[in-house]
């Protein structure tokens, strides 16, 4: 029983901190509720982005397959984490570590060049690359309960244009 009392006596600062934080949050929320501004203008509920008035629907579809996002994540995010770890320990790794990080950056640079050449980075509505077509955009038929639109392959579209 004495051991339980000792453990509980060590936890009272944590409990006090928790209570103080909850009270502070409630105080800030109540204060902002009473002192905050209230607007009843018709445009209050309208979306507004950087001075541009919202036009059209927000349901634009961008086709970006999961593996493309995963490859871009590896190239941009994990590369930075590994290079940072190497930079912290560069004196201990010496020349072998330097050669390894150069090889690592070269491999990821080649992967980026490969993705760039495929046109993966052209996500705009028109896409600059002739290698692949731009993703479908516009109103989402799927959200309206209709089947998803299917675009014919690029070579099928070319062969139908040539036959006419």
C-alpha atoms as a PDB file:
ATOM      1  CA  UNK A   1       0.000   0.000   0.000  1.00  0.00           C
ATOM      2  CA  UNK A   2       2.879   2.310   0.791  1.00  0.00           C
ATOM      3  CA  UNK A   3       4.380   1.653  -2.686  1.00  0.00           C
ATOM      4  CA  UNK A   4       1.061   2.548  -4.393  1.00  0.00           C
ATOM      5  CA  UNK A   5       0.881   5.782  -2.385  1.00  0.00           C
ATOM      6  CA  UNK A   6       4.451   6.613  -3.425  1.00  0.00           C
ATOM      7  CA  UNK A   7       3.680   6.022  -7.130  1.00  0.00           C
ATOM      8  CA  UNK A   8       0.539   8.135  -6.972  1.00  0.00           C
ATOM      9  CA  UNK A   9       2.394  10.946  -5.220  1.00  0.00           C
ATOM     10  CA  UNK A  10       4.877  11.019  -8.110  1.00  0.00           C
ATOM     11  CA  UNK A  11       2.052  11.341 -10.663  1.00  0.00           C
ATOM     12  CA  UNK A  12       0.290  14.368  -9.153  1.00  0.00           C
ATOM     13  CA  UNK A  13       2.384  16.923 -11.139  1.00  0.00           C
ATOM     14  CA  UNK A  14       1.360  15.188 -14.378  1.00  0.00           C
ATOM     15  CA  UNK A  15      -2.312  15.221 -13.356  1.00  0.00           C
ATOM     16  CA  UNK A  16      -2.070  18.887 -12.361  1.00  0.00           C
ATOM     17  CA  UNK A  17      -0.442  19.733 -15.706  1.00  0.00           C
ATOM     18  CA  UNK A  18      -3.226  17.888 -17.562  1.00  0.00           C
ATOM     19  CA  UNK A  19      -5.940  19.769 -15.650  1.00  0.00           C
ATOM     20  CA  UNK A  20      -4.221  23.131 -16.252  1.00  0.00           C
ATOM     21  CA  UNK A  21      -3.932  22.446 -19.997  1.00  0.00           C
ATOM     22  CA  UNK A  22      -7.606  21.465 -20.287  1.00  0.00           C
ATOM     23  CA  UNK A  23      -8.684  24.563 -18.343  1.00  0.00           C
ATOM     24  CA  UNK A  24      -6.473  26.793 -20.497  1.00  0.00           C
ATOM     25  CA  UNK A  25      -7.942  25.350 -23.705  1.00  0.00           C
ATOM     26  CA  UNK A  26     -11.487  25.846 -22.417  1.00  0.00           C
ATOM     27  CA  UNK A  27     -10.660  29.415 -21.372  1.00  0.00           C
ATOM     28  CA  UNK A  28      -9.205  30.264 -24.808  1.00  0.00           C
ATOM     29  CA  UNK A  29     -12.197  28.746 -26.621  1.00  0.00           C
ATOM     30  CA  UNK A  30     -14.697  30.612 -24.458  1.00  0.00           C
ATOM     31  CA  UNK A  31     -12.758  33.865 -24.772  1.00  0.00           C
ATOM     32  CA  UNK A  32     -12.637  33.606 -28.564  1.00  0.00           C
ATOM     33  CA  UNK A  33     -16.353  32.805 -28.650  1.00  0.00           C
ATOM     34  CA  UNK A  34     -17.296  35.919 -26.676  1.00  0.00           C
ATOM     35  CA  UNK A  35     -14.749  38.299 -28.226  1.00  0.00           C
ATOM     36  CA  UNK A  36     -14.820  36.971 -31.788  1.00  0.00           C
ATOM     37  CA  UNK A  37     -16.469  38.721 -34.691  1.00  0.00           C
ATOM     38  CA  UNK A  38     -19.728  37.509 -36.146  1.00  0.00           C
ATOM     39  CA  UNK A  39     -20.525  38.083 -39.824  1.00  0.00           C
ATOM     40  CA  UNK A  40     -23.867  37.666 -41.517  1.00  0.00           C
ATOM     41  CA  UNK A  41     -22.874  38.748 -45.042  1.00  0.00           C
ATOM     42  CA  UNK A  42     -23.950  36.413 -47.875  1.00  0.00           C
ATOM     43  CA  UNK A  43     -20.368  35.741 -48.974  1.00  0.00           C
ATOM     44  CA  UNK A  44     -19.178  34.628 -45.518  1.00  0.00           C
ATOM     45  CA  UNK A  45     -19.646  30.948 -46.277  1.00  0.00           C
ATOM     46  CA  UNK A  46     -18.158  31.101 -49.775  1.00  0.00           C
ATOM     47  CA  UNK A  47     -14.704  29.615 -50.394  1.00  0.00           C
ATOM     48  CA  UNK A  48     -12.019  32.214 -51.043  1.00  0.00           C
ATOM     49  CA  UNK A  49      -8.459  31.436 -52.104  1.00  0.00           C
ATOM     50  CA  UNK A  50      -5.751  34.106 -52.378  1.00  0.00           C
ATOM     51  CA  UNK A  51      -8.059  36.799 -53.685  1.00  0.00           C
ATOM     52  CA  UNK A  52      -9.568  34.582 -56.369  1.00  0.00           C
ATOM     53  CA  UNK A  53     -13.311  34.075 -56.291  1.00  0.00           C
ATOM     54  CA  UNK A  54     -14.323  30.421 -56.498  1.00  0.00           C
ATOM     55  CA  UNK A  55     -15.815  29.418 -59.861  1.00  0.00           C
ATOM     56  CA  UNK A  56     -17.099  25.959 -60.740  1.00  0.00           C
ATOM     57  CA  UNK A  57     -17.013  22.720 -58.803  1.00  0.00           C
ATOM     58  CA  UNK A  58     -14.207  21.454 -56.637  1.00  0.00           C
ATOM     59  CA  UNK A  59     -14.503  17.870 -57.896  1.00  0.00           C
ATOM     60  CA  UNK A  60     -11.707  17.865 -60.471  1.00  0.00           C
ATOM     61  CA  UNK A  61     -10.183  14.450 -60.977  1.00  0.00           C
ATOM     62  CA  UNK A  62      -6.435  14.084 -61.290  1.00  0.00           C
ATOM     63  CA  UNK A  63      -5.360  10.593 -62.180  1.00  0.00           C
ATOM     64  CA  UNK A  64      -2.178   9.853 -60.262  1.00  0.00           C
ATOM     65  CA  UNK A  65      -1.593   6.147 -59.657  1.00  0.00           C
ATOM     66  CA  UNK A  66      -0.315   5.074 -56.278  1.00  0.00           C
ATOM     67  CA  UNK A  67       3.031   3.820 -57.561  1.00  0.00           C
ATOM     68  CA  UNK A  68       3.830   7.209 -59.098  1.00  0.00           C
ATOM     69  CA  UNK A  69       3.265   8.954 -55.787  1.00  0.00           C
ATOM     70  CA  UNK A  70       5.365   6.286 -54.031  1.00  0.00           C
ATOM     71  CA  UNK A  71       8.259   6.731 -56.472  1.00  0.00           C
ATOM     72  CA  UNK A  72       8.170  10.507 -56.103  1.00  0.00           C
ATOM     73  CA  UNK A  73       8.094  10.109 -52.315  1.00  0.00           C
ATOM     74  CA  UNK A  74      11.208   7.928 -52.403  1.00  0.00           C
ATOM     75  CA  UNK A  75      13.024  10.331 -54.689  1.00  0.00           C
ATOM     76  CA  UNK A  76      12.249  13.563 -52.848  1.00  0.00           C
ATOM     77  CA  UNK A  77      11.574  12.762 -49.193  1.00  0.00           C
ATOM     78  CA  UNK A  78      13.603   9.719 -48.302  1.00  0.00           C
ATOM     79  CA  UNK A  79      16.574  11.007 -50.251  1.00  0.00           C
ATOM     80  CA  UNK A  80      16.664  14.071 -48.017  1.00  0.00           C
ATOM     81  CA  UNK A  81      16.479  11.932 -44.869  1.00  0.00           C
ATOM     82  CA  UNK A  82      19.348   9.668 -45.962  1.00  0.00           C
ATOM     83  CA  UNK A  83      21.519  12.581 -47.102  1.00  0.00           C
ATOM     84  CA  UNK A  84      20.919  14.345 -43.788  1.00  0.00           C
ATOM     85  CA  UNK A  85      21.953  11.209 -41.886  1.00  0.00           C
ATOM     86  CA  UNK A  86      25.084  10.951 -44.032  1.00  0.00           C
ATOM     87  CA  UNK A  87      25.877  14.649 -43.470  1.00  0.00           C
ATOM     88  CA  UNK A  88      25.725  14.166 -39.702  1.00  0.00           C
ATOM     89  CA  UNK A  89      28.224  11.297 -39.851  1.00  0.00           C
ATOM     90  CA  UNK A  90      30.346  12.343 -42.831  1.00  0.00           C
ATOM     91  CA  UNK A  91      33.624  12.489 -40.864  1.00  0.00           C
ATOM     92  CA  UNK A  92      33.199   8.949 -39.554  1.00  0.00           C
ATOM     93  CA  UNK A  93      32.287   7.518 -42.978  1.00  0.00           C
ATOM     94  CA  UNK A  94      35.208   9.074 -44.851  1.00  0.00           C
ATOM     95  CA  UNK A  95      35.759   8.481 -48.575  1.00  0.00           C
ATOM     96  CA  UNK A  96      33.810   5.198 -48.722  1.00  0.00           C
ATOM     97  CA  UNK A  97      30.756   6.973 -47.292  1.00  0.00           C
ATOM     98  CA  UNK A  98      31.187   9.820 -49.766  1.00  0.00           C
ATOM     99  CA  UNK A  99      31.354   7.423 -52.716  1.00  0.00           C
ATOM    100  CA  UNK A 100      28.262   5.592 -51.465  1.00  0.00           C
ATOM    101  CA  UNK A 101      26.220   8.791 -51.115  1.00  0.00           C
ATOM    102  CA  UNK A 102      27.282   9.916 -54.608  1.00  0.00           C
ATOM    103  CA  UNK A 103      26.139   6.552 -56.018  1.00  0.00           C
ATOM    104  CA  UNK A 104      22.872   6.873 -54.046  1.00  0.00           C
ATOM    105  CA  UNK A 105      22.212  10.382 -55.402  1.00  0.00           C
ATOM    106  CA  UNK A 106      23.091   9.256 -58.942  1.00  0.00           C
ATOM    107  CA  UNK A 107      20.620   6.350 -58.786  1.00  0.00           C
ATOM    108  CA  UNK A 108      17.858   8.612 -57.517  1.00  0.00           C
ATOM    109  CA  UNK A 109      18.740  11.224 -60.138  1.00  0.00           C
ATOM    110  CA  UNK A 110      18.404   8.569 -62.831  1.00  0.00           C
ATOM    111  CA  UNK A 111      15.032   7.555 -61.374  1.00  0.00           C
ATOM    112  CA  UNK A 112      13.893  11.189 -61.484  1.00  0.00           C
ATOM    113  CA  UNK A 113      15.094  11.534 -65.086  1.00  0.00           C
ATOM    114  CA  UNK A 114      13.207   8.333 -65.977  1.00  0.00           C
ATOM    115  CA  UNK A 115       9.986   9.621 -64.418  1.00  0.00           C
ATOM    116  CA  UNK A 116      10.445  13.001 -66.065  1.00  0.00           C
ATOM    117  CA  UNK A 117      10.946  11.340 -69.453  1.00  0.00           C
ATOM    118  CA  UNK A 118       7.748   9.317 -68.976  1.00  0.00           C
ATOM    119  CA  UNK A 119       5.844  12.540 -68.342  1.00  0.00           C
ATOM    120  CA  UNK A 120       4.928  11.702 -64.769  1.00  0.00           C
ATOM    121  CA  UNK A 121       5.612  15.262 -63.638  1.00  0.00           C
ATOM    122  CA  UNK A 122       3.160  16.738 -66.187  1.00  0.00           C
ATOM    123  CA  UNK A 123      -0.005  16.712 -64.084  1.00  0.00           C
ATOM    124  CA  UNK A 124      -1.610  19.743 -65.669  1.00  0.00           C
ATOM    125  CA  UNK A 125      -4.802  19.611 -67.714  1.00  0.00           C
ATOM    126  CA  UNK A 126      -2.942  19.663 -71.018  1.00  0.00           C
ATOM    127  CA  UNK A 127       0.345  18.053 -69.999  1.00  0.00           C
ATOM    128  CA  UNK A 128       3.476  19.046 -71.907  1.00  0.00           C
ATOM    129  CA  UNK A 129       4.611  15.535 -72.618  1.00  0.00           C
ATOM    130  CA  UNK A 130       3.718  13.673 -75.801  1.00  0.00           C
ATOM    131  CA  UNK A 131       4.567  10.379 -74.093  1.00  0.00           C
ATOM    132  CA  UNK A 132       1.293  10.046 -72.184  1.00  0.00           C
ATOM    133  CA  UNK A 133      -2.073  11.739 -72.215  1.00  0.00           C
ATOM    134  CA  UNK A 134      -3.129  14.227 -69.573  1.00  0.00           C
ATOM    135  CA  UNK A 135      -5.377  12.909 -66.790  1.00  0.00           C
ATOM    136  CA  UNK A 136      -9.129  13.179 -67.133  1.00  0.00           C
ATOM    137  CA  UNK A 137     -10.525  16.359 -65.632  1.00  0.00           C
ATOM    138  CA  UNK A 138     -13.850  18.040 -65.219  1.00  0.00           C
ATOM    139  CA  UNK A 139     -16.928  17.024 -63.304  1.00  0.00           C
ATOM    140  CA  UNK A 140     -16.703  13.636 -61.693  1.00  0.00           C
ATOM    141  CA  UNK A 141     -19.123  11.161 -63.230  1.00  0.00           C
ATOM    142  CA  UNK A 142     -18.302   8.661 -60.494  1.00  0.00           C
ATOM    143  CA  UNK A 143     -19.548  11.027 -57.764  1.00  0.00           C
ATOM    144  CA  UNK A 144     -22.785  11.453 -59.709  1.00  0.00           C
ATOM    145  CA  UNK A 145     -23.352   7.684 -59.761  1.00  0.00           C
ATOM    146  CA  UNK A 146     -22.314   7.147 -63.394  1.00  0.00           C
ATOM    147  CA  UNK A 147     -19.590   4.727 -64.520  1.00  0.00           C
ATOM    148  CA  UNK A 148     -16.057   6.098 -64.736  1.00  0.00           C
ATOM    149  CA  UNK A 149     -15.092   7.477 -68.166  1.00  0.00           C
ATOM    150  CA  UNK A 150     -12.533   5.351 -69.986  1.00  0.00           C
ATOM    151  CA  UNK A 151     -10.068   6.986 -72.334  1.00  0.00           C
ATOM    152  CA  UNK A 152      -8.877   4.824 -75.233  1.00  0.00           C
ATOM    153  CA  UNK A 153      -5.147   4.067 -75.405  1.00  0.00           C
ATOM    154  CA  UNK A 154      -3.035   6.607 -77.273  1.00  0.00           C
ATOM    155  CA  UNK A 155      -2.154   4.208 -80.108  1.00  0.00           C
ATOM    156  CA  UNK A 156      -5.870   3.334 -80.641  1.00  0.00           C
ATOM    157  CA  UNK A 157      -6.728   7.031 -80.941  1.00  0.00           C
ATOM    158  CA  UNK A 158      -3.952   7.512 -83.483  1.00  0.00           C
ATOM    159  CA  UNK A 159      -5.014   4.518 -85.574  1.00  0.00           C
ATOM    160  CA  UNK A 160      -8.669   5.689 -85.647  1.00  0.00           C
ATOM    161  CA  UNK A 161      -7.536   9.171 -86.801  1.00  0.00           C
ATOM    162  CA  UNK A 162      -5.377   7.681 -89.550  1.00  0.00           C
ATOM    163  CA  UNK A 163      -8.145   5.419 -90.852  1.00  0.00           C
ATOM    164  CA  UNK A 164     -10.504   8.380 -91.503  1.00  0.00           C
END
